[in-house]
Full PDB file with SEQRES, HELIX, SHEET, SSBOND, CRYST1, ORIGX, SCALE, CONECT and MASTER records, all heavy atoms in Angstrom:
SEQRES   1 A   33  LYS MET GLU ASN SER LYS LYS TYR LEU GLU HIS VAL ALA          
SEQRES   2 A   33  GLU MET LEU TRP SER LYS HIS GLY GLU THR ILE GLU ASP          
SEQRES   3 A   33  LEU CYS ILE ILE LEU PRO SER                                  
HELIX    1 AA1 MET A    2  HIS A   20  1                                  19    
HELIX    2 AA2 GLY A   21  ASP A   26  5                                   6    
CRYST1    1.000    1.000    1.000  90.00  90.00  90.00 P 1           1          
ORIGX1      1.000000  0.000000  0.000000        0.00000                         
ORIGX2      0.000000  1.000000  0.000000        0.00000                         
ORIGX3      0.000000  0.000000  1.000000        0.00000                         
SCALE1      1.000000  0.000000  0.000000        0.00000                         
SCALE2      0.000000  1.000000  0.000000        0.00000                         
SCALE3      0.000000  0.000000  1.000000        0.00000                         
ATOM      1  N   LYS A   1       0.833  -1.204   0.000  1.00  0.00           N  
ATOM      2  CA  LYS A   1       0.000   0.000   0.000  1.00  0.00           C  
ATOM      3  C   LYS A   1       0.863   1.247   0.000  1.00  0.00           C  
ATOM      4  O   LYS A   1       0.571   2.231  -0.688  1.00  0.00           O  
ATOM      5  CB  LYS A   1      -0.926   0.002   1.228  1.00  0.00           C  
ATOM      6  CG  LYS A   1      -2.085  -0.968   1.129  1.00  0.00           C  
ATOM      7  CD  LYS A   1      -2.991  -0.827   2.338  1.00  0.00           C  
ATOM      8  CE  LYS A   1      -4.210  -1.726   2.228  1.00  0.00           C  
ATOM      9  NZ  LYS A   1      -5.097  -1.584   3.398  1.00  0.00           N  
ATOM     10  N   MET A   2       1.943   1.216   0.799  1.00  0.00           N  
ATOM     11  CA  MET A   2       2.833   2.359   0.863  1.00  0.00           C  
ATOM     12  C   MET A   2       3.470   2.635  -0.491  1.00  0.00           C  
ATOM     13  O   MET A   2       3.560   3.786  -0.942  1.00  0.00           O  
ATOM     14  CB  MET A   2       3.923   2.104   1.909  1.00  0.00           C  
ATOM     15  CG  MET A   2       4.875   3.269   2.105  1.00  0.00           C  
ATOM     16  SD  MET A   2       4.074   4.663   2.933  1.00  0.00           S  
ATOM     17  CE  MET A   2       3.910   3.983   4.588  1.00  0.00           C  
ATOM     18  N   GLU A   3       3.928   1.564  -1.162  1.00  0.00           N  
ATOM     19  CA  GLU A   3       4.560   1.730  -2.469  1.00  0.00           C  
ATOM     20  C   GLU A   3       3.558   2.266  -3.492  1.00  0.00           C  
ATOM     21  O   GLU A   3       3.880   3.142  -4.296  1.00  0.00           O  
ATOM     22  CB  GLU A   3       5.136   0.393  -2.937  1.00  0.00           C  
ATOM     23  CG  GLU A   3       6.378  -0.035  -2.175  1.00  0.00           C  
ATOM     24  CD  GLU A   3       7.488   1.014  -2.264  1.00  0.00           C  
ATOM     25  OE1 GLU A   3       7.895   1.341  -3.387  1.00  0.00           O  
ATOM     26  OE2 GLU A   3       7.910   1.508  -1.207  1.00  0.00           O  
ATOM     27  N   ASN A   4       2.334   1.745  -3.472  1.00  0.00           N  
ATOM     28  CA  ASN A   4       1.293   2.237  -4.392  1.00  0.00           C  
ATOM     29  C   ASN A   4       0.966   3.697  -4.113  1.00  0.00           C  
ATOM     30  O   ASN A   4       0.734   4.484  -5.033  1.00  0.00           O  
ATOM     31  CB  ASN A   4       0.032   1.381  -4.263  1.00  0.00           C  
ATOM     32  CG  ASN A   4       0.207  -0.005  -4.851  1.00  0.00           C  
ATOM     33  OD1 ASN A   4       1.054  -0.200  -5.733  1.00  0.00           O  
ATOM     34  ND2 ASN A   4      -0.568  -0.956  -4.378  1.00  0.00           N  
ATOM     35  N   SER A   5       0.930   4.060  -2.840  1.00  0.00           N  
ATOM     36  CA  SER A   5       0.635   5.435  -2.459  1.00  0.00           C  
ATOM     37  C   SER A   5       1.719   6.387  -2.937  1.00  0.00           C  
ATOM     38  O   SER A   5       1.437   7.484  -3.418  1.00  0.00           O  
ATOM     39  CB  SER A   5       0.485   5.551  -0.938  1.00  0.00           C  
ATOM     40  OG  SER A   5      -0.601   4.767  -0.490  1.00  0.00           O  
ATOM     41  N   LYS A   6       2.980   5.964  -2.801  1.00  0.00           N  
ATOM     42  CA  LYS A   6       4.084   6.798  -3.254  1.00  0.00           C  
ATOM     43  C   LYS A   6       4.030   7.009  -4.765  1.00  0.00           C  
ATOM     44  O   LYS A   6       4.283   8.112  -5.261  1.00  0.00           O  
ATOM     45  CB  LYS A   6       5.416   6.172  -2.841  1.00  0.00           C  
ATOM     46  CG  LYS A   6       5.709   6.289  -1.349  1.00  0.00           C  
ATOM     47  CD  LYS A   6       7.057   5.687  -0.997  1.00  0.00           C  
ATOM     48  CE  LYS A   6       7.364   5.859   0.488  1.00  0.00           C  
ATOM     49  NZ  LYS A   6       8.671   5.258   0.851  1.00  0.00           N  
ATOM     50  N   LYS A   7       3.708   5.946  -5.489  1.00  0.00           N  
ATOM     51  CA  LYS A   7       3.594   6.072  -6.943  1.00  0.00           C  
ATOM     52  C   LYS A   7       2.456   7.022  -7.312  1.00  0.00           C  
ATOM     53  O   LYS A   7       2.572   7.817  -8.237  1.00  0.00           O  
ATOM     54  CB  LYS A   7       3.350   4.693  -7.565  1.00  0.00           C  
ATOM     55  CG  LYS A   7       4.560   3.771  -7.498  1.00  0.00           C  
ATOM     56  CD  LYS A   7       4.247   2.406  -8.080  1.00  0.00           C  
ATOM     57  CE  LYS A   7       5.463   1.487  -7.991  1.00  0.00           C  
ATOM     58  NZ  LYS A   7       5.171   0.129  -8.517  1.00  0.00           N  
ATOM     59  N   TYR A   8       1.360   6.913  -6.579  1.00  0.00           N  
ATOM     60  CA  TYR A   8       0.218   7.804  -6.799  1.00  0.00           C  
ATOM     61  C   TYR A   8       0.617   9.263  -6.565  1.00  0.00           C  
ATOM     62  O   TYR A   8       0.324  10.147  -7.375  1.00  0.00           O  
ATOM     63  CB  TYR A   8      -0.916   7.391  -5.860  1.00  0.00           C  
ATOM     64  CG  TYR A   8      -2.021   8.419  -5.687  1.00  0.00           C  
ATOM     65  CD1 TYR A   8      -2.886   8.726  -6.731  1.00  0.00           C  
ATOM     66  CD2 TYR A   8      -2.197   9.052  -4.453  1.00  0.00           C  
ATOM     67  CE1 TYR A   8      -3.901   9.658  -6.557  1.00  0.00           C  
ATOM     68  CE2 TYR A   8      -3.210   9.979  -4.276  1.00  0.00           C  
ATOM     69  CZ  TYR A   8      -4.060  10.275  -5.325  1.00  0.00           C  
ATOM     70  OH  TYR A   8      -5.058  11.201  -5.151  1.00  0.00           O  
ATOM     71  N   LEU A   9       1.327   9.514  -5.483  1.00  0.00           N  
ATOM     72  CA  LEU A   9       1.736  10.877  -5.158  1.00  0.00           C  
ATOM     73  C   LEU A   9       2.785  11.401  -6.135  1.00  0.00           C  
ATOM     74  O   LEU A   9       2.817  12.593  -6.443  1.00  0.00           O  
ATOM     75  CB  LEU A   9       2.267  10.949  -3.730  1.00  0.00           C  
ATOM     76  CG  LEU A   9       1.213  10.731  -2.637  1.00  0.00           C  
ATOM     77  CD1 LEU A   9       1.861  10.743  -1.266  1.00  0.00           C  
ATOM     78  CD2 LEU A   9       0.123  11.777  -2.713  1.00  0.00           C  
ATOM     79  N   GLU A  10       3.645  10.517  -6.628  1.00  0.00           N  
ATOM     80  CA  GLU A  10       4.610  10.921  -7.651  1.00  0.00           C  
ATOM     81  C   GLU A  10       3.886  11.365  -8.916  1.00  0.00           C  
ATOM     82  O   GLU A  10       4.254  12.368  -9.544  1.00  0.00           O  
ATOM     83  CB  GLU A  10       5.557   9.764  -7.960  1.00  0.00           C  
ATOM     84  CG  GLU A  10       6.559   9.491  -6.845  1.00  0.00           C  
ATOM     85  CD  GLU A  10       7.315   8.193  -7.048  1.00  0.00           C  
ATOM     86  OE1 GLU A  10       7.058   7.510  -8.077  1.00  0.00           O  
ATOM     87  OE2 GLU A  10       8.140   7.843  -6.187  1.00  0.00           O  
ATOM     88  N   HIS A  11       2.829  10.637  -9.265  1.00  0.00           N  
ATOM     89  CA  HIS A  11       2.025  11.005 -10.437  1.00  0.00           C  
ATOM     90  C   HIS A  11       1.332  12.354 -10.209  1.00  0.00           C  
ATOM     91  O   HIS A  11       1.305  13.211 -11.104  1.00  0.00           O  
ATOM     92  CB  HIS A  11       0.985   9.919 -10.713  1.00  0.00           C  
ATOM     93  CG  HIS A  11       0.006  10.276 -11.783  1.00  0.00           C  
ATOM     94  ND1 HIS A  11       0.330  10.296 -13.122  1.00  0.00           N  
ATOM     95  CD2 HIS A  11      -1.304  10.656 -11.709  1.00  0.00           C  
ATOM     96  CE1 HIS A  11      -0.722  10.659 -13.828  1.00  0.00           C  
ATOM     97  NE2 HIS A  11      -1.724  10.881 -12.999  1.00  0.00           N  
ATOM     98  N   VAL A  12       0.782  12.537  -9.006  1.00  0.00           N  
ATOM     99  CA  VAL A  12       0.115  13.801  -8.670  1.00  0.00           C  
ATOM    100  C   VAL A  12       1.114  14.958  -8.723  1.00  0.00           C  
ATOM    101  O   VAL A  12       0.819  16.024  -9.269  1.00  0.00           O  
ATOM    102  CB  VAL A  12      -0.532  13.725  -7.273  1.00  0.00           C  
ATOM    103  CG1 VAL A  12      -1.005  15.104  -6.821  1.00  0.00           C  
ATOM    104  CG2 VAL A  12      -1.708  12.759  -7.287  1.00  0.00           C  
ATOM    105  N   ALA A  13       2.302  14.745  -8.164  1.00  0.00           N  
ATOM    106  CA  ALA A  13       3.331  15.791  -8.154  1.00  0.00           C  
ATOM    107  C   ALA A  13       3.723  16.188  -9.573  1.00  0.00           C  
ATOM    108  O   ALA A  13       3.871  17.379  -9.879  1.00  0.00           O  
ATOM    109  CB  ALA A  13       4.551  15.302  -7.379  1.00  0.00           C  
ATOM    110  N   GLU A  14       3.895  15.209 -10.452  1.00  0.00           N  
ATOM    111  CA  GLU A  14       4.242  15.497 -11.845  1.00  0.00           C  
ATOM    112  C   GLU A  14       3.138  16.295 -12.531  1.00  0.00           C  
ATOM    113  O   GLU A  14       3.398  17.236 -13.284  1.00  0.00           O  
ATOM    114  CB  GLU A  14       4.492  14.191 -12.598  1.00  0.00           C  
ATOM    115  CG  GLU A  14       5.771  13.471 -12.164  1.00  0.00           C  
ATOM    116  CD  GLU A  14       5.898  12.095 -12.794  1.00  0.00           C  
ATOM    117  OE1 GLU A  14       4.976  11.714 -13.564  1.00  0.00           O  
ATOM    118  OE2 GLU A  14       6.899  11.407 -12.525  1.00  0.00           O  
ATOM    119  N   MET A  15       1.882  15.927 -12.271  1.00  0.00           N  
ATOM    120  CA  MET A  15       0.752  16.626 -12.869  1.00  0.00           C  
ATOM    121  C   MET A  15       0.675  18.067 -12.372  1.00  0.00           C  
ATOM    122  O   MET A  15       0.507  19.004 -13.165  1.00  0.00           O  
ATOM    123  CB  MET A  15      -0.549  15.883 -12.539  1.00  0.00           C  
ATOM    124  CG  MET A  15      -1.818  16.525 -13.107  1.00  0.00           C  
ATOM    125  SD  MET A  15      -2.538  17.807 -12.013  1.00  0.00           S  
ATOM    126  CE  MET A  15      -3.054  16.798 -10.618  1.00  0.00           C  
ATOM    127  N   LEU A  16       0.821  18.256 -11.059  1.00  0.00           N  
ATOM    128  CA  LEU A  16       0.745  19.600 -10.490  1.00  0.00           C  
ATOM    129  C   LEU A  16       1.863  20.493 -11.013  1.00  0.00           C  
ATOM    130  O   LEU A  16       1.634  21.656 -11.359  1.00  0.00           O  
ATOM    131  CB  LEU A  16       0.808  19.522  -8.962  1.00  0.00           C  
ATOM    132  CG  LEU A  16      -0.385  18.896  -8.236  1.00  0.00           C  
ATOM    133  CD1 LEU A  16      -0.101  18.768  -6.745  1.00  0.00           C  
ATOM    134  CD2 LEU A  16      -1.651  19.714  -8.458  1.00  0.00           C  
ATOM    135  N   TRP A  17       3.085  19.953 -11.078  1.00  0.00           N  
ATOM    136  CA  TRP A  17       4.206  20.763 -11.526  1.00  0.00           C  
ATOM    137  C   TRP A  17       4.095  21.110 -13.011  1.00  0.00           C  
ATOM    138  O   TRP A  17       4.400  22.228 -13.423  1.00  0.00           O  
ATOM    139  CB  TRP A  17       5.525  20.055 -11.252  1.00  0.00           C  
ATOM    140  CG  TRP A  17       6.698  20.959 -11.459  1.00  0.00           C  
ATOM    141  CD1 TRP A  17       7.527  21.017 -12.541  1.00  0.00           C  
ATOM    142  CD2 TRP A  17       7.131  21.980 -10.563  1.00  0.00           C  
ATOM    143  NE1 TRP A  17       8.470  22.004 -12.384  1.00  0.00           N  
ATOM    144  CE2 TRP A  17       8.250  22.613 -11.166  1.00  0.00           C  
ATOM    145  CE3 TRP A  17       6.717  22.425  -9.315  1.00  0.00           C  
ATOM    146  CZ2 TRP A  17       8.932  23.670 -10.561  1.00  0.00           C  
ATOM    147  CZ3 TRP A  17       7.395  23.464  -8.712  1.00  0.00           C  
ATOM    148  CH2 TRP A  17       8.485  24.081  -9.330  1.00  0.00           C  
ATOM    149  N   SER A  18       3.631  20.139 -13.821  1.00  0.00           N  
ATOM    150  CA  SER A  18       3.511  20.400 -15.256  1.00  0.00           C  
ATOM    151  C   SER A  18       2.425  21.437 -15.544  1.00  0.00           C  
ATOM    152  O   SER A  18       2.530  22.214 -16.493  1.00  0.00           O  
ATOM    153  CB  SER A  18       3.206  19.104 -16.010  1.00  0.00           C  
ATOM    154  OG  SER A  18       1.929  18.592 -15.641  1.00  0.00           O  
ATOM    155  N   LYS A  19       1.377  21.459 -14.717  1.00  0.00           N  
ATOM    156  CA  LYS A  19       0.273  22.395 -14.946  1.00  0.00           C  
ATOM    157  C   LYS A  19       0.534  23.769 -14.346  1.00  0.00           C  
ATOM    158  O   LYS A  19       0.095  24.791 -14.896  1.00  0.00           O  
ATOM    159  CB  LYS A  19      -1.032  21.837 -14.360  1.00  0.00           C  
ATOM    160  CG  LYS A  19      -1.684  20.766 -15.213  1.00  0.00           C  
ATOM    161  CD  LYS A  19      -3.084  20.476 -14.686  1.00  0.00           C  
ATOM    162  CE  LYS A  19      -3.828  19.528 -15.623  1.00  0.00           C  
ATOM    163  NZ  LYS A  19      -5.225  19.314 -15.176  1.00  0.00           N  
ATOM    164  N   HIS A  20       1.219  23.807 -13.211  1.00  0.00           N  
ATOM    165  CA  HIS A  20       1.308  25.066 -12.472  1.00  0.00           C  
ATOM    166  C   HIS A  20       2.733  25.583 -12.278  1.00  0.00           C  
ATOM    167  O   HIS A  20       2.936  26.790 -12.181  1.00  0.00           O  
ATOM    168  CB  HIS A  20       0.606  24.918 -11.122  1.00  0.00           C  
ATOM    169  CG  HIS A  20      -0.810  24.468 -11.235  1.00  0.00           C  
ATOM    170  ND1 HIS A  20      -1.825  25.299 -11.667  1.00  0.00           N  
ATOM    171  CD2 HIS A  20      -1.390  23.256 -11.001  1.00  0.00           C  
ATOM    172  CE1 HIS A  20      -2.977  24.618 -11.675  1.00  0.00           C  
ATOM    173  NE2 HIS A  20      -2.733  23.387 -11.279  1.00  0.00           N  
ATOM    174  N   GLY A  21       3.691  24.691 -12.169  1.00  0.00           N  
ATOM    175  CA  GLY A  21       5.087  25.083 -12.103  1.00  0.00           C  
ATOM    176  C   GLY A  21       5.381  26.272 -11.222  1.00  0.00           C  
ATOM    177  O   GLY A  21       5.320  26.196  -9.990  1.00  0.00           O  
ATOM    178  N   GLU A  22       5.704  27.403 -11.839  1.00  0.00           N  
ATOM    179  CA  GLU A  22       6.142  28.585 -11.116  1.00  0.00           C  
ATOM    180  C   GLU A  22       5.075  29.179 -10.191  1.00  0.00           C  
ATOM    181  O   GLU A  22       5.394  29.951  -9.286  1.00  0.00           O  
ATOM    182  CB  GLU A  22       6.590  29.668 -12.112  1.00  0.00           C  
ATOM    183  CG  GLU A  22       7.744  29.247 -13.011  1.00  0.00           C  
ATOM    184  CD  GLU A  22       8.984  28.886 -12.207  1.00  0.00           C  
ATOM    185  OE1 GLU A  22       9.221  29.527 -11.173  1.00  0.00           O  
ATOM    186  OE2 GLU A  22       9.705  27.957 -12.625  1.00  0.00           O  
ATOM    187  N   THR A  23       3.808  28.854 -10.435  1.00  0.00           N  
ATOM    188  CA  THR A  23       2.736  29.415  -9.597  1.00  0.00           C  
ATOM    189  C   THR A  23       2.144  28.369  -8.649  1.00  0.00           C  
ATOM    190  O   THR A  23       1.038  28.529  -8.149  1.00  0.00           O  
ATOM    191  CB  THR A  23       1.605  29.977 -10.481  1.00  0.00           C  
ATOM    192  OG1 THR A  23       1.060  28.921 -11.292  1.00  0.00           O  
ATOM    193  CG2 THR A  23       2.128  31.087 -11.374  1.00  0.00           C  
ATOM    194  N   ILE A  24       2.901  27.317  -8.402  1.00  0.00           N  
ATOM    195  CA  ILE A  24       2.366  26.216  -7.595  1.00  0.00           C  
ATOM    196  C   ILE A  24       2.049  26.654  -6.165  1.00  0.00           C  
ATOM    197  O   ILE A  24       1.197  26.075  -5.492  1.00  0.00           O  
ATOM    198  CB  ILE A  24       3.344  25.021  -7.592  1.00  0.00           C  
ATOM    199  CG1 ILE A  24       2.594  23.746  -7.177  1.00  0.00           C  
ATOM    200  CG2 ILE A  24       4.561  25.288  -6.707  1.00  0.00           C  
ATOM    201  CD1 ILE A  24       3.356  22.482  -7.466  1.00  0.00           C  
ATOM    202  N   GLU A  25       2.717  27.713  -5.692  1.00  0.00           N  
ATOM    203  CA  GLU A  25       2.442  28.176  -4.320  1.00  0.00           C  
ATOM    204  C   GLU A  25       1.043  28.783  -4.185  1.00  0.00           C  
ATOM    205  O   GLU A  25       0.552  28.984  -3.067  1.00  0.00           O  
ATOM    206  CB  GLU A  25       3.484  29.214  -3.876  1.00  0.00           C  
ATOM    207  CG  GLU A  25       3.425  30.536  -4.611  1.00  0.00           C  
ATOM    208  CD  GLU A  25       4.284  30.543  -5.874  1.00  0.00           C  
ATOM    209  OE1 GLU A  25       4.702  29.454  -6.313  1.00  0.00           O  
ATOM    210  OE2 GLU A  25       4.538  31.647  -6.390  1.00  0.00           O  
ATOM    211  N   ASP A  26       0.390  29.069  -5.313  1.00  0.00           N  
ATOM    212  CA  ASP A  26      -0.960  29.635  -5.268  1.00  0.00           C  
ATOM    213  C   ASP A  26      -2.037  28.567  -5.093  1.00  0.00           C  
ATOM    214  O   ASP A  26      -3.212  28.900  -4.906  1.00  0.00           O  
ATOM    215  CB  ASP A  26      -1.253  30.417  -6.551  1.00  0.00           C  
ATOM    216  CG  ASP A  26      -0.344  31.622  -6.702  1.00  0.00           C  
ATOM    217  OD1 ASP A  26       0.062  32.178  -5.671  1.00  0.00           O  
ATOM    218  OD2 ASP A  26      -0.044  31.999  -7.852  1.00  0.00           O  
ATOM    219  N   LEU A  27      -1.656  27.302  -5.154  1.00  0.00           N  
ATOM    220  CA  LEU A  27      -2.632  26.221  -5.070  1.00  0.00           C  
ATOM    221  C   LEU A  27      -3.055  25.940  -3.633  1.00  0.00           C  
ATOM    222  O   LEU A  27      -2.309  26.196  -2.688  1.00  0.00           O  
ATOM    223  CB  LEU A  27      -2.059  24.928  -5.656  1.00  0.00           C  
ATOM    224  CG  LEU A  27      -1.617  24.931  -7.112  1.00  0.00           C  
ATOM    225  CD1 LEU A  27      -1.133  23.539  -7.506  1.00  0.00           C  
ATOM    226  CD2 LEU A  27      -2.742  25.386  -8.021  1.00  0.00           C  
ATOM    227  N   CYS A  28      -4.256  25.403  -3.493  1.00  0.00           N  
ATOM    228  CA  CYS A  28      -4.743  24.861  -2.223  1.00  0.00           C  
ATOM    229  C   CYS A  28      -4.956  23.367  -2.426  1.00  0.00           C  
ATOM    230  O   CYS A  28      -5.650  22.962  -3.369  1.00  0.00           O  
ATOM    231  CB  CYS A  28      -6.058  25.511  -1.812  1.00  0.00           C  
ATOM    232  SG  CYS A  28      -5.925  27.265  -1.483  1.00  0.00           S  
ATOM    233  N   ILE A  29      -4.371  22.565  -1.571  1.00  0.00           N  
ATOM    234  CA  ILE A  29      -4.475  21.111  -1.709  1.00  0.00           C  
ATOM    235  C   ILE A  29      -4.999  20.533  -0.407  1.00  0.00           C  
ATOM    236  O   ILE A  29      -4.416  20.734   0.660  1.00  0.00           O  
ATOM    237  CB  ILE A  29      -3.113  20.490  -2.066  1.00  0.00           C  
ATOM    238  CG1 ILE A  29      -2.594  21.086  -3.381  1.00  0.00           C  
ATOM    239  CG2 ILE A  29      -3.237  18.974  -2.176  1.00  0.00           C  
ATOM    240  CD1 ILE A  29      -1.235  20.579  -3.793  1.00  0.00           C  
ATOM    241  N   ILE A  30      -6.122  19.820  -0.501  1.00  0.00           N  
ATOM    242  CA  ILE A  30      -6.741  19.210   0.678  1.00  0.00           C  
ATOM    243  C   ILE A  30      -6.346  17.740   0.718  1.00  0.00           C  
ATOM    244  O   ILE A  30      -6.571  17.000  -0.248  1.00  0.00           O  
ATOM    245  CB  ILE A  30      -8.278  19.355   0.654  1.00  0.00           C  
ATOM    246  CG1 ILE A  30      -8.670  20.826   0.777  1.00  0.00           C  
ATOM    247  CG2 ILE A  30      -8.905  18.591   1.805  1.00  0.00           C  
ATOM    248  CD1 ILE A  30      -8.737  21.575  -0.510  1.00  0.00           C  
ATOM    249  N   LEU A  31      -5.758  17.334   1.830  1.00  0.00           N  
ATOM    250  CA  LEU A  31      -5.217  15.983   1.992  1.00  0.00           C  
ATOM    251  C   LEU A  31      -5.859  15.283   3.191  1.00  0.00           C  
ATOM    252  O   LEU A  31      -6.262  15.941   4.153  1.00  0.00           O  
ATOM    253  CB  LEU A  31      -3.711  16.050   2.199  1.00  0.00           C  
ATOM    254  CG  LEU A  31      -2.893  16.705   1.074  1.00  0.00           C  
ATOM    255  CD1 LEU A  31      -1.491  17.022   1.559  1.00  0.00           C  
ATOM    256  CD2 LEU A  31      -2.837  15.790  -0.130  1.00  0.00           C  
ATOM    257  N   PRO A  32      -5.918  13.953   3.159  1.00  0.00           N  
ATOM    258  CA  PRO A  32      -6.542  13.226   4.272  1.00  0.00           C  
ATOM    259  C   PRO A  32      -5.647  13.000   5.478  1.00  0.00           C  
ATOM    260  O   PRO A  32      -6.122  12.567   6.517  1.00  0.00           O  
ATOM    261  CB  PRO A  32      -6.918  11.887   3.621  1.00  0.00           C  
ATOM    262  CG  PRO A  32      -5.936  11.723   2.518  1.00  0.00           C  
ATOM    263  CD  PRO A  32      -5.642  13.094   2.004  1.00  0.00           C  
ATOM    264  N   SER A  33      -4.325  13.255   5.363  1.00  0.00           N  
ATOM    265  CA  SER A  33      -3.440  13.001   6.495  1.00  0.00           C  
ATOM    266  C   SER A  33      -2.174  13.849   6.405  1.00  0.00           C  
ATOM    267  O   SER A  33      -1.777  14.300   5.327  1.00  0.00           O  
ATOM    268  CB  SER A  33      -3.042  11.522   6.553  1.00  0.00           C  
ATOM    269  OG  SER A  33      -2.170  11.199   5.480  1.00  0.00           O  
TER     270      SER A  33                                                      
MASTER        0    0    0    2    0    0    0    6  269    1    0    3          
END                                                                             
């Protein structure tokens, strides 16, 4: 589960950076933990 979660978050990180990059600090991200 941990390995799958890390892969999921790596995918999310790549998506966020590719879409927002230099303005990523303007985002709001709601997380469960």
